[in-house]
Amino acid sequence: MNRGTHSNNGDKHDTSWHKTLVALLLASTACMVSAEDGITDSTILIGQTIGLTGQIAGAVKELNEGAHAYLAGVNKSGGVFGRKIKIRTLDDKFDPALAAVNAEILIKQEHVFALFQNRGTPHTEAILPILTASGVPLIAPSTGAAVFHAPVNHFVFNVRAKYQDEIAKAVEQFSTVGISHIGLIHVDDSFGNDA
């Protein structure tokens, strides 16, 4: 999996979710025969439920600013088949129950085409049944939990490796520099238990 590209100055930029989002939007709008929720002649509406406030607000802000900057570039270049991408973002305060409520609002009231780049394993678990029942895709969830990789859910478009794969590569790298003892501390939830 392409984990990003390297610029001339050596900074690593993860662009895999960008490519996945644009590819999904292109494929969906190219095949459209009738009106689709969230898609008009001029726009594609996608939704987010993320912790804009709460314990991880700083990291979410950076992730969100990067996503908005990329999508602004897509829109400036003509959008997707001439349609501009709009994002409707709701604050879930990094609370899984509120993430589920927000997903319901975005899907049933806002009529978004897709949900995009939510953050957190328990949060993604909370919205998964809603996505599956409604047939709304989730693009680029910010989690590497195995539950979103297997069994395959045709509505989840992952762009990052499973946590286990990331850990295996880290341990492999540690062994190349002589580190032979590793400790593990984790949170007591589905995110931590996935490790």
N, C-alpha and C. Protein backbone atom coordinates (compact mmCIF):
# COMPACT_ATOMS: atom_id res chain seq x y z
N MET A 1 0.84 -1.19 0.00
CA MET A 1 0.00 0.00 0.00
C MET A 1 0.87 1.23 0.00
N ASN A 2 0.53 2.20 -0.80
CA ASN A 2 1.27 3.45 -0.85
C ASN A 2 0.91 4.27 0.39
N ARG A 3 1.86 4.49 1.24
CA ARG A 3 1.61 5.23 2.47
C ARG A 3 1.88 6.71 2.29
N GLY A 4 2.20 7.15 1.09
CA GLY A 4 2.42 8.56 0.86
C GLY A 4 3.51 8.78 -0.14
N THR A 5 3.82 10.03 -0.34
CA THR A 5 4.89 10.40 -1.25
C THR A 5 5.89 11.24 -0.50
N HIS A 6 7.07 11.33 -1.05
CA HIS A 6 8.10 12.15 -0.43
C HIS A 6 8.35 13.36 -1.30
N SER A 7 8.34 14.52 -0.70
CA SER A 7 8.67 15.73 -1.43
C SER A 7 10.18 15.89 -1.46
N ASN A 8 10.65 16.84 -2.20
CA ASN A 8 12.09 17.05 -2.32
C ASN A 8 12.73 17.42 -0.99
N ASN A 9 11.96 17.99 -0.08
CA ASN A 9 12.55 18.39 1.20
C ASN A 9 12.48 17.28 2.25
N GLY A 10 12.01 16.10 1.86
CA GLY A 10 12.03 14.96 2.77
C GLY A 10 10.81 14.82 3.64
N ASP A 11 9.85 15.76 3.61
CA ASP A 11 8.64 15.63 4.41
C ASP A 11 7.75 14.55 3.81
N LYS A 12 7.17 13.73 4.69
CA LYS A 12 6.27 12.68 4.22
C LYS A 12 4.84 13.19 4.28
N HIS A 13 4.10 13.01 3.20
CA HIS A 13 2.71 13.44 3.13
C HIS A 13 1.86 12.23 2.79
N ASP A 14 0.92 11.88 3.65
CA ASP A 14 0.05 10.74 3.39
C ASP A 14 -1.05 11.19 2.43
N THR A 15 -1.04 10.67 1.22
CA THR A 15 -2.00 11.08 0.21
C THR A 15 -2.92 9.95 -0.20
N SER A 16 -2.82 8.79 0.40
CA SER A 16 -3.61 7.65 -0.05
C SER A 16 -5.10 7.90 0.12
N TRP A 17 -5.54 8.54 1.20
CA TRP A 17 -6.97 8.80 1.36
C TRP A 17 -7.46 9.79 0.33
N HIS A 18 -6.62 10.71 -0.08
CA HIS A 18 -7.01 11.67 -1.12
C HIS A 18 -7.38 10.93 -2.39
N LYS A 19 -6.51 10.03 -2.79
CA LYS A 19 -6.73 9.27 -4.02
C LYS A 19 -7.97 8.40 -3.91
N THR A 20 -8.18 7.79 -2.76
CA THR A 20 -9.35 6.94 -2.56
C THR A 20 -10.63 7.76 -2.64
N LEU A 21 -10.66 8.91 -1.99
CA LEU A 21 -11.84 9.76 -2.02
C LEU A 21 -12.18 10.19 -3.43
N VAL A 22 -11.20 10.70 -4.14
CA VAL A 22 -11.46 11.18 -5.50
C VAL A 22 -11.87 10.03 -6.41
N ALA A 23 -11.22 8.87 -6.29
CA ALA A 23 -11.58 7.72 -7.12
C ALA A 23 -13.01 7.28 -6.85
N LEU A 24 -13.41 7.22 -5.58
CA LEU A 24 -14.77 6.81 -5.24
C LEU A 24 -15.78 7.82 -5.78
N LEU A 25 -15.49 9.09 -5.60
CA LEU A 25 -16.41 10.11 -6.09
C LEU A 25 -16.50 10.08 -7.61
N LEU A 26 -15.38 9.90 -8.29
CA LEU A 26 -15.38 9.81 -9.75
C LEU A 26 -16.21 8.62 -10.22
N ALA A 27 -15.97 7.47 -9.63
CA ALA A 27 -16.69 6.26 -10.04
C ALA A 27 -18.18 6.40 -9.78
N SER A 28 -18.53 6.97 -8.66
CA SER A 28 -19.94 7.10 -8.29
C SER A 28 -20.68 8.06 -9.20
N THR A 29 -20.07 9.19 -9.49
CA THR A 29 -20.77 10.18 -10.30
C THR A 29 -20.74 9.83 -11.77
N ALA A 30 -19.73 9.12 -12.22
CA ALA A 30 -19.65 8.74 -13.63
C ALA A 30 -20.75 7.76 -14.00
N CYS A 31 -21.14 6.90 -13.06
CA CYS A 31 -22.14 5.87 -13.34
C CYS A 31 -23.55 6.30 -12.97
N MET A 32 -23.73 7.51 -12.49
CA MET A 32 -25.00 7.96 -11.98
C MET A 32 -26.05 8.09 -13.07
N VAL A 33 -27.18 7.42 -12.89
CA VAL A 33 -28.29 7.54 -13.82
C VAL A 33 -29.38 8.39 -13.20
N SER A 34 -29.65 8.19 -11.93
CA SER A 34 -30.66 8.97 -11.24
C SER A 34 -30.00 9.74 -10.11
N ALA A 35 -30.77 10.63 -9.50
CA ALA A 35 -30.23 11.45 -8.41
C ALA A 35 -29.80 10.56 -7.25
N GLU A 36 -28.69 10.90 -6.65
CA GLU A 36 -28.12 10.16 -5.53
C GLU A 36 -28.08 11.13 -4.35
N ASP A 37 -28.37 10.64 -3.13
CA ASP A 37 -28.28 11.51 -1.96
C ASP A 37 -26.93 12.21 -1.94
N GLY A 38 -26.95 13.51 -1.70
CA GLY A 38 -25.72 14.29 -1.57
C GLY A 38 -25.10 14.74 -2.87
N ILE A 39 -25.66 14.35 -4.01
CA ILE A 39 -25.08 14.73 -5.29
C ILE A 39 -26.09 15.53 -6.10
N THR A 40 -25.67 16.72 -6.52
CA THR A 40 -26.47 17.55 -7.42
C THR A 40 -25.67 17.78 -8.69
N ASP A 41 -26.20 18.58 -9.58
CA ASP A 41 -25.46 18.90 -10.81
C ASP A 41 -24.19 19.68 -10.52
N SER A 42 -24.13 20.36 -9.36
CA SER A 42 -22.98 21.21 -9.09
C SER A 42 -22.17 20.83 -7.85
N THR A 43 -22.70 19.96 -6.97
CA THR A 43 -21.99 19.65 -5.73
C THR A 43 -22.08 18.17 -5.36
N ILE A 44 -21.12 17.76 -4.54
CA ILE A 44 -21.14 16.46 -3.87
C ILE A 44 -20.98 16.76 -2.38
N LEU A 45 -21.98 16.41 -1.59
CA LEU A 45 -21.96 16.69 -0.15
C LEU A 45 -21.50 15.44 0.60
N ILE A 46 -20.40 15.59 1.35
CA ILE A 46 -19.93 14.52 2.22
C ILE A 46 -19.98 15.02 3.66
N GLY A 47 -20.08 14.09 4.60
CA GLY A 47 -20.21 14.46 6.00
C GLY A 47 -19.08 13.92 6.85
N GLN A 48 -18.86 14.60 7.97
CA GLN A 48 -17.86 14.19 8.95
C GLN A 48 -18.46 14.30 10.34
N THR A 49 -18.16 13.32 11.17
CA THR A 49 -18.39 13.45 12.60
C THR A 49 -17.05 13.23 13.27
N ILE A 50 -16.50 14.30 13.83
CA ILE A 50 -15.16 14.27 14.40
C ILE A 50 -15.12 15.08 15.69
N GLY A 51 -14.10 14.84 16.49
CA GLY A 51 -13.93 15.52 17.78
C GLY A 51 -13.27 16.87 17.63
N LEU A 52 -14.03 17.86 17.19
CA LEU A 52 -13.49 19.22 17.07
C LEU A 52 -13.20 19.82 18.43
N THR A 53 -13.92 19.34 19.45
CA THR A 53 -13.64 19.70 20.84
C THR A 53 -13.43 18.38 21.58
N GLY A 54 -12.88 18.45 22.77
CA GLY A 54 -12.63 17.22 23.51
C GLY A 54 -11.16 16.88 23.53
N GLN A 55 -10.85 15.67 23.98
CA GLN A 55 -9.48 15.29 24.31
C GLN A 55 -8.51 15.21 23.15
N ILE A 56 -8.97 15.04 21.92
CA ILE A 56 -8.02 14.96 20.80
C ILE A 56 -8.25 16.07 19.78
N ALA A 57 -8.84 17.16 20.22
CA ALA A 57 -9.20 18.24 19.31
C ALA A 57 -8.01 18.77 18.51
N GLY A 58 -6.84 18.86 19.12
CA GLY A 58 -5.67 19.39 18.42
C GLY A 58 -5.28 18.54 17.23
N ALA A 59 -5.21 17.23 17.43
CA ALA A 59 -4.86 16.32 16.32
C ALA A 59 -5.94 16.30 15.26
N VAL A 60 -7.20 16.35 15.68
CA VAL A 60 -8.31 16.36 14.72
C VAL A 60 -8.27 17.64 13.89
N LYS A 61 -7.95 18.76 14.53
CA LYS A 61 -7.88 20.03 13.81
C LYS A 61 -6.85 19.95 12.69
N GLU A 62 -5.68 19.40 12.99
CA GLU A 62 -4.63 19.28 11.96
C GLU A 62 -5.07 18.37 10.82
N LEU A 63 -5.65 17.23 11.15
CA LEU A 63 -6.14 16.29 10.14
C LEU A 63 -7.21 16.94 9.27
N ASN A 64 -8.12 17.64 9.92
CA ASN A 64 -9.23 18.29 9.21
C ASN A 64 -8.74 19.42 8.31
N GLU A 65 -7.79 20.21 8.79
CA GLU A 65 -7.25 21.29 7.96
C GLU A 65 -6.57 20.74 6.72
N GLY A 66 -5.84 19.63 6.88
CA GLY A 66 -5.20 19.00 5.73
C GLY A 66 -6.22 18.50 4.71
N ALA A 67 -7.28 17.88 5.20
CA ALA A 67 -8.33 17.38 4.31
C ALA A 67 -9.00 18.53 3.56
N HIS A 68 -9.31 19.59 4.28
CA HIS A 68 -9.97 20.74 3.65
C HIS A 68 -9.05 21.40 2.62
N ALA A 69 -7.77 21.48 2.92
CA ALA A 69 -6.82 22.07 1.96
C ALA A 69 -6.77 21.23 0.69
N TYR A 70 -6.72 19.92 0.84
CA TYR A 70 -6.68 19.05 -0.34
C TYR A 70 -7.96 19.20 -1.16
N LEU A 71 -9.12 19.15 -0.49
CA LEU A 71 -10.38 19.25 -1.22
C LEU A 71 -10.56 20.62 -1.86
N ALA A 72 -10.01 21.66 -1.24
CA ALA A 72 -10.04 22.99 -1.88
C ALA A 72 -9.27 22.95 -3.19
N GLY A 73 -8.16 22.23 -3.21
CA GLY A 73 -7.38 22.07 -4.43
C GLY A 73 -8.15 21.30 -5.50
N VAL A 74 -8.86 20.24 -5.09
CA VAL A 74 -9.69 19.48 -6.03
C VAL A 74 -10.76 20.40 -6.61
N ASN A 75 -11.42 21.17 -5.74
CA ASN A 75 -12.47 22.08 -6.21
C ASN A 75 -11.91 23.16 -7.13
N LYS A 76 -10.74 23.68 -6.80
CA LYS A 76 -10.12 24.72 -7.63
C LYS A 76 -9.77 24.17 -9.01
N SER A 77 -9.49 22.88 -9.08
CA SER A 77 -9.16 22.23 -10.35
C SER A 77 -10.39 21.77 -11.11
N GLY A 78 -11.56 22.15 -10.67
CA GLY A 78 -12.79 21.80 -11.38
C GLY A 78 -13.67 20.80 -10.68
N GLY A 79 -13.24 20.31 -9.52
CA GLY A 79 -14.06 19.37 -8.78
C GLY A 79 -14.04 17.98 -9.38
N VAL A 80 -15.11 17.25 -9.18
CA VAL A 80 -15.27 15.89 -9.70
C VAL A 80 -16.38 15.93 -10.75
N PHE A 81 -16.00 15.77 -12.01
CA PHE A 81 -16.94 15.92 -13.12
C PHE A 81 -17.70 17.24 -13.01
N GLY A 82 -16.98 18.29 -12.67
CA GLY A 82 -17.56 19.62 -12.57
C GLY A 82 -18.31 19.89 -11.28
N ARG A 83 -18.37 18.93 -10.39
CA ARG A 83 -19.08 19.10 -9.12
C ARG A 83 -18.08 19.45 -8.02
N LYS A 84 -18.38 20.47 -7.25
CA LYS A 84 -17.55 20.87 -6.12
C LYS A 84 -17.88 19.98 -4.92
N ILE A 85 -16.84 19.61 -4.18
CA ILE A 85 -17.03 18.80 -2.98
C ILE A 85 -17.26 19.73 -1.79
N LYS A 86 -18.36 19.50 -1.08
CA LYS A 86 -18.67 20.26 0.13
C LYS A 86 -18.66 19.29 1.31
N ILE A 87 -18.16 19.78 2.44
CA ILE A 87 -18.12 18.95 3.65
C ILE A 87 -19.02 19.57 4.71
N ARG A 88 -19.89 18.74 5.29
CA ARG A 88 -20.70 19.14 6.44
C ARG A 88 -20.10 18.43 7.65
N THR A 89 -19.53 19.19 8.58
CA THR A 89 -18.82 18.63 9.72
C THR A 89 -19.62 18.86 11.01
N LEU A 90 -19.79 17.80 11.78
CA LEU A 90 -20.43 17.89 13.09
C LEU A 90 -19.42 17.46 14.16
N ASP A 91 -19.45 18.15 15.29
CA ASP A 91 -18.55 17.87 16.41
C ASP A 91 -19.13 16.75 17.28
N ASP A 92 -18.39 15.65 17.39
CA ASP A 92 -18.84 14.57 18.28
C ASP A 92 -18.11 14.58 19.62
N LYS A 93 -17.27 15.59 19.85
CA LYS A 93 -16.55 15.76 21.12
C LYS A 93 -15.75 14.52 21.49
N PHE A 94 -15.42 13.71 20.51
CA PHE A 94 -14.71 12.44 20.68
C PHE A 94 -15.49 11.50 21.59
N ASP A 95 -16.81 11.48 21.41
CA ASP A 95 -17.73 10.63 22.16
C ASP A 95 -18.40 9.68 21.17
N PRO A 96 -18.19 8.36 21.29
CA PRO A 96 -18.76 7.42 20.33
C PRO A 96 -20.28 7.50 20.20
N ALA A 97 -20.99 7.71 21.31
CA ALA A 97 -22.45 7.80 21.25
C ALA A 97 -22.87 9.02 20.43
N LEU A 98 -22.19 10.14 20.62
CA LEU A 98 -22.50 11.34 19.86
C LEU A 98 -22.11 11.17 18.39
N ALA A 99 -21.05 10.41 18.12
CA ALA A 99 -20.67 10.12 16.73
C ALA A 99 -21.80 9.39 16.02
N ALA A 100 -22.44 8.44 16.70
CA ALA A 100 -23.57 7.71 16.11
C ALA A 100 -24.75 8.64 15.84
N VAL A 101 -25.05 9.52 16.79
CA VAL A 101 -26.13 10.49 16.61
C VAL A 101 -25.82 11.39 15.41
N ASN A 102 -24.59 11.87 15.34
CA ASN A 102 -24.19 12.73 14.22
C ASN A 102 -24.28 12.01 12.88
N ALA A 103 -23.88 10.75 12.85
CA ALA A 103 -23.97 9.98 11.61
C ALA A 103 -25.42 9.88 11.14
N GLU A 104 -26.32 9.64 12.07
CA GLU A 104 -27.76 9.59 11.74
C GLU A 104 -28.22 10.93 11.16
N ILE A 105 -27.81 12.02 11.78
CA ILE A 105 -28.19 13.35 11.29
C ILE A 105 -27.64 13.59 9.89
N LEU A 106 -26.36 13.29 9.71
CA LEU A 106 -25.73 13.52 8.41
C LEU A 106 -26.37 12.69 7.31
N ILE A 107 -26.73 11.46 7.62
CA ILE A 107 -27.30 10.58 6.60
C ILE A 107 -28.79 10.85 6.38
N LYS A 108 -29.56 10.95 7.46
CA LYS A 108 -31.02 11.04 7.33
C LYS A 108 -31.55 12.46 7.15
N GLN A 109 -30.85 13.46 7.71
CA GLN A 109 -31.34 14.83 7.60
C GLN A 109 -30.56 15.65 6.58
N GLU A 110 -29.25 15.50 6.58
CA GLU A 110 -28.40 16.27 5.66
C GLU A 110 -28.28 15.58 4.29
N HIS A 111 -28.58 14.29 4.24
CA HIS A 111 -28.54 13.50 3.01
C HIS A 111 -27.18 13.53 2.33
N VAL A 112 -26.12 13.27 3.11
CA VAL A 112 -24.77 13.26 2.55
C VAL A 112 -24.59 12.04 1.65
N PHE A 113 -23.71 12.16 0.68
CA PHE A 113 -23.38 11.05 -0.20
C PHE A 113 -22.52 10.02 0.53
N ALA A 114 -21.58 10.49 1.36
CA ALA A 114 -20.65 9.61 2.07
C ALA A 114 -20.22 10.27 3.37
N LEU A 115 -19.74 9.47 4.30
CA LEU A 115 -19.06 10.00 5.48
C LEU A 115 -17.57 9.89 5.22
N PHE A 116 -16.82 10.78 5.84
CA PHE A 116 -15.42 10.94 5.48
C PHE A 116 -14.55 11.16 6.71
N GLN A 117 -13.50 10.40 6.82
CA GLN A 117 -12.37 10.63 7.72
C GLN A 117 -12.75 10.85 9.18
N ASN A 118 -13.69 10.03 9.69
CA ASN A 118 -13.96 10.15 11.12
C ASN A 118 -12.77 9.62 11.90
N ARG A 119 -12.70 9.94 13.18
CA ARG A 119 -11.52 9.62 13.98
C ARG A 119 -11.92 8.76 15.16
N GLY A 120 -11.23 7.64 15.36
CA GLY A 120 -11.40 6.83 16.55
C GLY A 120 -12.03 5.48 16.28
N THR A 121 -11.47 4.45 16.88
CA THR A 121 -11.97 3.09 16.69
C THR A 121 -13.37 2.91 17.29
N PRO A 122 -13.60 3.26 18.57
CA PRO A 122 -14.96 3.09 19.12
C PRO A 122 -15.99 3.94 18.37
N HIS A 123 -15.57 5.08 17.87
CA HIS A 123 -16.45 5.98 17.14
C HIS A 123 -16.86 5.37 15.81
N THR A 124 -15.89 4.78 15.13
CA THR A 124 -16.17 4.14 13.85
C THR A 124 -17.03 2.90 14.07
N GLU A 125 -16.78 2.16 15.15
CA GLU A 125 -17.63 1.01 15.48
C GLU A 125 -19.07 1.47 15.72
N ALA A 126 -19.24 2.63 16.35
CA ALA A 126 -20.58 3.13 16.66
C ALA A 126 -21.36 3.51 15.40
N ILE A 127 -20.67 3.98 14.37
CA ILE A 127 -21.39 4.41 13.16
C ILE A 127 -21.50 3.31 12.11
N LEU A 128 -20.73 2.24 12.26
CA LEU A 128 -20.71 1.18 11.25
C LEU A 128 -22.09 0.58 10.96
N PRO A 129 -22.90 0.24 11.97
CA PRO A 129 -24.23 -0.31 11.67
C PRO A 129 -25.12 0.69 10.92
N ILE A 130 -24.96 1.96 11.21
CA ILE A 130 -25.75 2.99 10.53
C ILE A 130 -25.35 3.07 9.06
N LEU A 131 -24.05 3.03 8.80
CA LEU A 131 -23.57 3.06 7.42
C LEU A 131 -24.06 1.86 6.64
N THR A 132 -23.92 0.69 7.24
CA THR A 132 -24.30 -0.54 6.57
C THR A 132 -25.79 -0.56 6.27
N ALA A 133 -26.61 -0.15 7.24
CA ALA A 133 -28.06 -0.15 7.05
C ALA A 133 -28.50 0.84 5.98
N SER A 134 -27.80 1.96 5.88
CA SER A 134 -28.20 3.00 4.94
C SER A 134 -27.50 2.89 3.59
N GLY A 135 -26.44 2.09 3.51
CA GLY A 135 -25.70 1.96 2.25
C GLY A 135 -24.84 3.17 1.94
N VAL A 136 -24.48 3.92 2.97
CA VAL A 136 -23.63 5.11 2.79
C VAL A 136 -22.18 4.71 3.05
N PRO A 137 -21.27 5.04 2.13
CA PRO A 137 -19.87 4.67 2.33
C PRO A 137 -19.16 5.55 3.35
N LEU A 138 -18.15 4.96 3.98
CA LEU A 138 -17.24 5.68 4.86
C LEU A 138 -15.87 5.68 4.19
N ILE A 139 -15.37 6.85 3.91
CA ILE A 139 -14.10 6.99 3.19
C ILE A 139 -13.02 7.45 4.17
N ALA A 140 -11.93 6.72 4.21
CA ALA A 140 -10.72 7.09 4.96
C ALA A 140 -10.94 7.27 6.46
N PRO A 141 -11.54 6.26 7.13
CA PRO A 141 -11.62 6.39 8.59
C PRO A 141 -10.21 6.44 9.17
N SER A 142 -10.03 7.28 10.18
CA SER A 142 -8.72 7.42 10.80
C SER A 142 -8.58 6.40 11.92
N THR A 143 -8.53 5.14 11.53
CA THR A 143 -8.34 4.03 12.45
C THR A 143 -7.74 2.87 11.67
N GLY A 144 -6.95 2.07 12.36
CA GLY A 144 -6.37 0.89 11.73
C GLY A 144 -6.87 -0.39 12.37
N ALA A 145 -8.01 -0.32 13.05
CA ALA A 145 -8.55 -1.49 13.74
C ALA A 145 -8.89 -2.61 12.75
N ALA A 146 -8.58 -3.83 13.14
CA ALA A 146 -8.80 -4.99 12.27
C ALA A 146 -10.27 -5.19 11.93
N VAL A 147 -11.17 -4.80 12.81
CA VAL A 147 -12.60 -4.99 12.59
C VAL A 147 -13.08 -4.27 11.32
N PHE A 148 -12.36 -3.27 10.87
CA PHE A 148 -12.76 -2.53 9.67
C PHE A 148 -12.11 -3.09 8.41
N HIS A 149 -11.30 -4.12 8.58
CA HIS A 149 -10.63 -4.76 7.45
C HIS A 149 -11.18 -6.16 7.18
N ALA A 150 -11.58 -6.87 8.23
CA ALA A 150 -12.09 -8.23 8.06
C ALA A 150 -13.14 -8.49 9.13
N PRO A 151 -14.31 -9.00 8.74
CA PRO A 151 -14.66 -9.28 7.36
C PRO A 151 -14.81 -7.99 6.56
N VAL A 152 -14.68 -8.11 5.28
CA VAL A 152 -14.77 -6.95 4.40
C VAL A 152 -16.16 -6.33 4.50
N ASN A 153 -16.20 -5.04 4.68
CA ASN A 153 -17.45 -4.29 4.63
C ASN A 153 -17.38 -3.43 3.38
N HIS A 154 -18.30 -3.64 2.48
CA HIS A 154 -18.27 -2.97 1.18
C HIS A 154 -18.58 -1.48 1.26
N PHE A 155 -18.88 -0.99 2.46
CA PHE A 155 -19.14 0.43 2.63
C PHE A 155 -17.99 1.17 3.30
N VAL A 156 -16.93 0.45 3.68
CA VAL A 156 -15.78 1.06 4.34
C VAL A 156 -14.59 1.04 3.40
N PHE A 157 -14.04 2.22 3.12
CA PHE A 157 -12.90 2.36 2.23
C PHE A 157 -11.70 2.80 3.06
N ASN A 158 -10.93 1.81 3.54
CA ASN A 158 -9.76 2.06 4.37
C ASN A 158 -8.60 2.58 3.53
N VAL A 159 -7.80 3.45 4.12
CA VAL A 159 -6.60 3.93 3.44
C VAL A 159 -5.36 3.76 4.31
N ARG A 160 -5.52 3.16 5.46
CA ARG A 160 -4.36 2.89 6.30
C ARG A 160 -4.32 1.41 6.64
N ALA A 161 -3.13 0.94 6.99
CA ALA A 161 -2.93 -0.46 7.34
C ALA A 161 -3.59 -0.76 8.68
N LYS A 162 -3.77 -2.05 8.95
CA LYS A 162 -4.25 -2.47 10.26
C LYS A 162 -3.18 -2.16 11.30
N TYR A 163 -3.61 -1.92 12.54
CA TYR A 163 -2.66 -1.67 13.62
C TYR A 163 -1.66 -2.82 13.75
N GLN A 164 -2.15 -4.06 13.63
CA GLN A 164 -1.26 -5.21 13.75
C GLN A 164 -0.15 -5.17 12.70
N ASP A 165 -0.49 -4.76 11.48
CA ASP A 165 0.53 -4.66 10.43
C ASP A 165 1.53 -3.55 10.74
N GLU A 166 1.03 -2.44 11.27
CA GLU A 166 1.92 -1.34 11.64
C GLU A 166 2.87 -1.77 12.76
N ILE A 167 2.32 -2.47 13.76
CA ILE A 167 3.14 -2.93 14.88
C ILE A 167 4.17 -3.94 14.41
N ALA A 168 3.77 -4.86 13.54
CA ALA A 168 4.70 -5.87 13.03
C ALA A 168 5.88 -5.20 12.32
N LYS A 169 5.61 -4.17 11.54
CA LYS A 169 6.69 -3.46 10.84
C LYS A 169 7.57 -2.70 11.83
N ALA A 170 6.96 -2.12 12.86
CA ALA A 170 7.75 -1.40 13.87
C ALA A 170 8.66 -2.37 14.61
N VAL A 171 8.14 -3.53 15.00
CA VAL A 171 8.95 -4.53 15.70
C VAL A 171 10.07 -5.02 14.79
N GLU A 172 9.76 -5.23 13.53
CA GLU A 172 10.78 -5.64 12.57
C GLU A 172 11.90 -4.60 12.49
N GLN A 173 11.52 -3.33 12.47
CA GLN A 173 12.51 -2.26 12.43
C GLN A 173 13.32 -2.21 13.72
N PHE A 174 12.65 -2.37 14.86
CA PHE A 174 13.37 -2.38 16.14
C PHE A 174 14.46 -3.44 16.13
N SER A 175 14.15 -4.61 15.61
CA SER A 175 15.12 -5.71 15.61
C SER A 175 16.35 -5.38 14.76
N THR A 176 16.19 -4.54 13.75
CA THR A 176 17.34 -4.19 12.90
C THR A 176 18.31 -3.25 13.60
N VAL A 177 17.86 -2.60 14.67
CA VAL A 177 18.74 -1.69 15.41
C VAL A 177 19.08 -2.25 16.79
N GLY A 178 18.82 -3.54 17.00
CA GLY A 178 19.24 -4.21 18.22
C GLY A 178 18.28 -4.14 19.39
N ILE A 179 17.08 -3.64 19.20
CA ILE A 179 16.11 -3.60 20.29
C ILE A 179 15.43 -4.96 20.36
N SER A 180 15.53 -5.61 21.52
CA SER A 180 14.98 -6.96 21.65
C SER A 180 13.90 -7.08 22.72
N HIS A 181 13.68 -6.03 23.50
CA HIS A 181 12.65 -6.05 24.53
C HIS A 181 11.68 -4.89 24.27
N ILE A 182 10.41 -5.21 24.27
CA ILE A 182 9.39 -4.21 23.97
C ILE A 182 8.29 -4.31 25.02
N GLY A 183 7.81 -3.18 25.49
CA GLY A 183 6.68 -3.13 26.40
C GLY A 183 5.48 -2.56 25.68
N LEU A 184 4.29 -2.87 26.16
CA LEU A 184 3.07 -2.38 25.53
C LEU A 184 2.13 -1.84 26.60
N ILE A 185 1.74 -0.61 26.44
CA ILE A 185 0.73 0.02 27.29
C ILE A 185 -0.39 0.44 26.36
N HIS A 186 -1.63 0.14 26.73
CA HIS A 186 -2.74 0.49 25.85
C HIS A 186 -3.96 0.91 26.65
N VAL A 187 -4.84 1.66 25.99
CA VAL A 187 -6.10 2.06 26.60
C VAL A 187 -7.02 0.84 26.64
N ASP A 188 -7.94 0.84 27.58
CA ASP A 188 -8.84 -0.30 27.75
C ASP A 188 -10.14 -0.06 26.98
N ASP A 189 -10.03 -0.09 25.66
CA ASP A 189 -11.21 -0.02 24.80
C ASP A 189 -10.90 -0.80 23.52
N SER A 190 -11.77 -0.72 22.54
CA SER A 190 -11.57 -1.50 21.32
C SER A 190 -10.31 -1.08 20.58
N PHE A 191 -9.93 0.17 20.68
CA PHE A 191 -8.68 0.63 20.06
C PHE A 191 -7.48 -0.06 20.72
N GLY A 192 -7.40 0.00 22.04
CA GLY A 192 -6.29 -0.60 22.76
C GLY A 192 -6.26 -2.11 22.67
N ASN A 193 -7.42 -2.72 22.70
CA ASN A 193 -7.49 -4.18 22.64
C ASN A 193 -7.13 -4.72 21.26
N ASP A 194 -7.18 -3.89 20.25
CA ASP A 194 -6.84 -4.30 18.89
C ASP A 194 -5.35 -4.55 18.75
N ALA A 195 -4.55 -3.91 19.60
CA ALA A 195 -3.10 -4.08 19.54
C ALA A 195 -2.74 -5.45 20.05
